[in-house]
Every structure is written in C-alpha cells, then in structure tokens.
Amino acid sequence: MRLYWFKEGIYAFDAPEEHGGEIINLKLETVCGMPVHKILDALKPVIACDNEAGFKYSVTHYMVVPYILRGLGISESDEVTMGFVNDTGDEIIITMQSRYYGNVRYLERFNQSP
C-alpha cells in the first residue's frame, strides 16, 4: 500500500492486486474506523521532520506500518481496515494484512520493496 498526500487529501496510488483496481486514485477517509485527521494527529508527535512538508511526506509511510498503528492504540492487530471514498461519495472499506520487508512489517502491496 502506498499513499500520497495531495492538497485535496491522502490518496492511494499503489495497492495489492486484490484491492488495486478498487482503491487506486481514491481518497483515504478512515484508518481502523478513525477519521484520517485523527490518525494524522496521533502520528505527528512520533514523526521526526523539519517542517510541514516533511511531515506530509513521511506520514504516508508511517500510516502503513501496523505495529506503529498498534503502538498508538489505533489498531489491535496486524490487520488494518482502511476506508476510501470514490467520486460518487461511496465508501470502500478494505482490510489489509501486513507483510515483512526487511525487519519492518508494512501493509501488503505489489511485490516491490519499500
């Protein structure tokens, strides 16, 4: 799972094959049932960055690390539910499993290293 923060919000631009077609280019609205703005607030104190641009870049990487979400009390397991909104306003909720890359567990995505 790869996300990018555009001025309109955080969007998926890479995802596992089983979810890719349905969430690519959709706006992320929730993570584990929590609104994205609350996830951002929870992550802000734990991400080292020099400025807002650095935070916006880094946070999209941290949002897909299940043990960070678990450590912040956002998730209770290695599964993470994410809610995306399409152009018609319909919410698409997916559940992602984690996968190890090196020593870090990320949400599963295409067979690319982070």
C-alpha atoms as a PDB file:
ATOM      1  CA  MET A   1       0.000   0.000   0.000  1.00  0.00           C
ATOM      2  CA  ARG A   2       1.398   3.347  -0.997  1.00  0.00           C
ATOM      3  CA  LEU A   3      -0.231   6.658  -0.254  1.00  0.00           C
ATOM      4  CA  TYR A   4       0.486  10.247  -1.271  1.00  0.00           C
ATOM      5  CA  TRP A   5      -0.735  13.476   0.336  1.00  0.00           C
ATOM      6  CA  PHE A   6      -2.079  15.834  -2.314  1.00  0.00           C
ATOM      7  CA  LYS A   7      -3.634  19.203  -1.461  1.00  0.00           C
ATOM      8  CA  GLU A   8      -7.077  17.537  -1.712  1.00  0.00           C
ATOM      9  CA  GLY A   9      -6.146  14.789   0.756  1.00  0.00           C
ATOM     10  CA  ILE A  10      -4.338  11.460   1.019  1.00  0.00           C
ATOM     11  CA  TYR A  11      -4.810   9.105  -1.922  1.00  0.00           C
ATOM     12  CA  ALA A  12      -3.790   5.512  -2.750  1.00  0.00           C
ATOM     13  CA  PHE A  13      -1.504   5.159  -5.747  1.00  0.00           C
ATOM     14  CA  ASP A  14      -0.279   1.588  -5.238  1.00  0.00           C
ATOM     15  CA  ALA A  15      -2.054  -1.370  -3.661  1.00  0.00           C
ATOM     16  CA  PRO A  16      -2.114  -5.167  -3.640  1.00  0.00           C
ATOM     17  CA  GLU A  17      -3.698  -6.738  -6.691  1.00  0.00           C
ATOM     18  CA  GLU A  18      -6.821  -7.811  -4.811  1.00  0.00           C
ATOM     19  CA  HIS A  19      -7.562  -4.175  -3.888  1.00  0.00           C
ATOM     20  CA  GLY A  20      -5.666  -2.168  -6.501  1.00  0.00           C
ATOM     21  CA  GLY A  21      -8.425  -1.808  -9.025  1.00  0.00           C
ATOM     22  CA  GLU A  22     -10.931  -0.572  -6.497  1.00  0.00           C
ATOM     23  CA  ILE A  23      -8.845   1.874  -4.434  1.00  0.00           C
ATOM     24  CA  ILE A  24      -6.200   3.329  -6.762  1.00  0.00           C
ATOM     25  CA  ASN A  25      -6.744   7.102  -7.002  1.00  0.00           C
ATOM     26  CA  LEU A  26      -9.305   7.097  -4.185  1.00  0.00           C
ATOM     27  CA  LYS A  27      -9.152   9.390  -1.173  1.00  0.00           C
ATOM     28  CA  LEU A  28      -8.370   7.806   2.204  1.00  0.00           C
ATOM     29  CA  GLU A  29     -11.028   8.754   4.768  1.00  0.00           C
ATOM     30  CA  THR A  30     -10.540   6.323   7.671  1.00  0.00           C
ATOM     31  CA  VAL A  31      -7.944   4.008   9.177  1.00  0.00           C
ATOM     32  CA  CYS A  32      -9.220   1.391  11.620  1.00  0.00           C
ATOM     33  CA  GLY A  33     -12.505   3.282  11.752  1.00  0.00           C
ATOM     34  CA  MET A  34     -10.870   6.570  12.764  1.00  0.00           C
ATOM     35  CA  PRO A  35     -11.007   9.681  10.566  1.00  0.00           C
ATOM     36  CA  VAL A  36      -7.720  10.434   8.817  1.00  0.00           C
ATOM     37  CA  HIS A  37      -7.300  13.749  10.668  1.00  0.00           C
ATOM     38  CA  LYS A  38      -7.213  11.856  13.989  1.00  0.00           C
ATOM     39  CA  ILE A  39      -4.609   9.441  12.604  1.00  0.00           C
ATOM     40  CA  LEU A  40      -2.510  12.414  11.499  1.00  0.00           C
ATOM     41  CA  ASP A  41      -2.823  14.000  14.952  1.00  0.00           C
ATOM     42  CA  ALA A  42      -1.726  10.735  16.601  1.00  0.00           C
ATOM     43  CA  LEU A  43       1.275  10.327  14.297  1.00  0.00           C
ATOM     44  CA  LYS A  44       2.514  13.936  14.405  1.00  0.00           C
ATOM     45  CA  PRO A  45       4.390  13.642  17.742  1.00  0.00           C
ATOM     46  CA  VAL A  46       6.220  10.452  16.705  1.00  0.00           C
ATOM     47  CA  ILE A  47       7.456  11.512  13.264  1.00  0.00           C
ATOM     48  CA  ALA A  48      10.742  13.389  13.159  1.00  0.00           C
ATOM     49  CA  CYS A  49      10.636  16.101  10.499  1.00  0.00           C
ATOM     50  CA  ASP A  50      11.864  19.650   9.992  1.00  0.00           C
ATOM     51  CA  ASN A  51       8.676  21.182   8.658  1.00  0.00           C
ATOM     52  CA  GLU A  52       5.108  20.552   7.491  1.00  0.00           C
ATOM     53  CA  ALA A  53       6.243  19.363   4.052  1.00  0.00           C
ATOM     54  CA  GLY A  54       8.469  16.755   5.716  1.00  0.00           C
ATOM     55  CA  PHE A  55       5.569  15.587   7.861  1.00  0.00           C
ATOM     56  CA  LYS A  56       3.235  15.311   4.846  1.00  0.00           C
ATOM     57  CA  TYR A  57       5.802  13.207   3.029  1.00  0.00           C
ATOM     58  CA  SER A  58       6.695  10.951   5.972  1.00  0.00           C
ATOM     59  CA  VAL A  59       3.256  10.355   7.457  1.00  0.00           C
ATOM     60  CA  THR A  60       2.055   8.418   4.416  1.00  0.00           C
ATOM     61  CA  HIS A  61       4.824   5.884   5.072  1.00  0.00           C
ATOM     62  CA  TYR A  62       4.047   5.572   8.788  1.00  0.00           C
ATOM     63  CA  MET A  63       0.311   5.124   8.174  1.00  0.00           C
ATOM     64  CA  VAL A  64       1.001   1.732   6.576  1.00  0.00           C
ATOM     65  CA  VAL A  65       3.163   0.266   9.364  1.00  0.00           C
ATOM     66  CA  PRO A  66       0.796  -1.826  11.512  1.00  0.00           C
ATOM     67  CA  TYR A  67       2.996  -2.013  14.604  1.00  0.00           C
ATOM     68  CA  ILE A  68       3.159   1.791  14.741  1.00  0.00           C
ATOM     69  CA  LEU A  69      -0.625   1.967  14.493  1.00  0.00           C
ATOM     70  CA  ARG A  70      -0.880  -0.711  17.186  1.00  0.00           C
ATOM     71  CA  GLY A  71       1.598   1.136  19.417  1.00  0.00           C
ATOM     72  CA  LEU A  72      -0.508   4.281  19.188  1.00  0.00           C
ATOM     73  CA  GLY A  73      -3.664   2.348  20.090  1.00  0.00           C
ATOM     74  CA  ILE A  74      -5.153   2.794  16.610  1.00  0.00           C
ATOM     75  CA  SER A  75      -5.030  -0.889  15.641  1.00  0.00           C
ATOM     76  CA  GLU A  76      -5.225  -4.021  17.744  1.00  0.00           C
ATOM     77  CA  SER A  77      -3.606  -6.433  15.271  1.00  0.00           C
ATOM     78  CA  ASP A  78      -1.592  -6.754  12.087  1.00  0.00           C
ATOM     79  CA  GLU A  79      -4.788  -6.214  10.110  1.00  0.00           C
ATOM     80  CA  VAL A  80      -5.693  -2.656   9.236  1.00  0.00           C
ATOM     81  CA  THR A  81      -9.010  -1.535   7.797  1.00  0.00           C
ATOM     82  CA  MET A  82      -8.901   1.471   5.503  1.00  0.00           C
ATOM     83  CA  GLY A  83     -11.875   3.397   4.190  1.00  0.00           C
ATOM     84  CA  PHE A  84     -11.635   5.133   0.813  1.00  0.00           C
ATOM     85  CA  VAL A  85     -14.209   7.355  -0.879  1.00  0.00           C
ATOM     86  CA  ASN A  86     -14.899   7.207  -4.606  1.00  0.00           C
ATOM     87  CA  ASP A  87     -16.136  10.001  -6.896  1.00  0.00           C
ATOM     88  CA  THR A  88     -19.781   9.300  -6.097  1.00  0.00           C
ATOM     89  CA  GLY A  89     -19.171   9.512  -2.341  1.00  0.00           C
ATOM     90  CA  ASP A  90     -19.461   5.772  -1.728  1.00  0.00           C
ATOM     91  CA  GLU A  91     -17.076   4.371   0.872  1.00  0.00           C
ATOM     92  CA  ILE A  92     -14.994   1.327   0.018  1.00  0.00           C
ATOM     93  CA  ILE A  93     -13.593  -0.399   3.102  1.00  0.00           C
ATOM     94  CA  ILE A  94     -10.741  -2.837   2.711  1.00  0.00           C
ATOM     95  CA  THR A  95      -8.805  -4.928   5.214  1.00  0.00           C
ATOM     96  CA  MET A  96      -5.082  -5.181   4.643  1.00  0.00           C
ATOM     97  CA  GLN A  97      -2.730  -7.817   6.009  1.00  0.00           C
ATOM     98  CA  SER A  98       0.831  -6.900   6.934  1.00  0.00           C
ATOM     99  CA  ARG A  99       3.936  -8.277   5.258  1.00  0.00           C
ATOM    100  CA  TYR A 100       7.606  -8.096   6.268  1.00  0.00           C
ATOM    101  CA  TYR A 101      10.136  -6.141   4.190  1.00  0.00           C
ATOM    102  CA  GLY A 102      13.499  -6.415   5.882  1.00  0.00           C
ATOM    103  CA  ASN A 103      12.774  -6.003   9.591  1.00  0.00           C
ATOM    104  CA  VAL A 104       9.646  -3.886   9.206  1.00  0.00           C
ATOM    105  CA  ARG A 105       6.055  -5.016   8.698  1.00  0.00           C
ATOM    106  CA  TYR A 106       4.183  -2.967   6.106  1.00  0.00           C
ATOM    107  CA  LEU A 107       0.703  -3.329   4.746  1.00  0.00           C
ATOM    108  CA  GLU A 108       0.846  -5.689   1.808  1.00  0.00           C
ATOM    109  CA  ARG A 109       1.257  -4.144  -1.635  1.00  0.00           C
ATOM    110  CA  PHE A 110       2.692  -5.082  -5.002  1.00  0.00           C
ATOM    111  CA  ASN A 111       5.915  -7.109  -4.947  1.00  0.00           C
ATOM    112  CA  GLN A 112       8.188  -4.113  -4.517  1.00  0.00           C
ATOM    113  CA  SER A 113      10.408  -3.267  -1.615  1.00  0.00           C
ATOM    114  CA  PRO A 114       9.518  -0.040   0.236  1.00  0.00           C
END
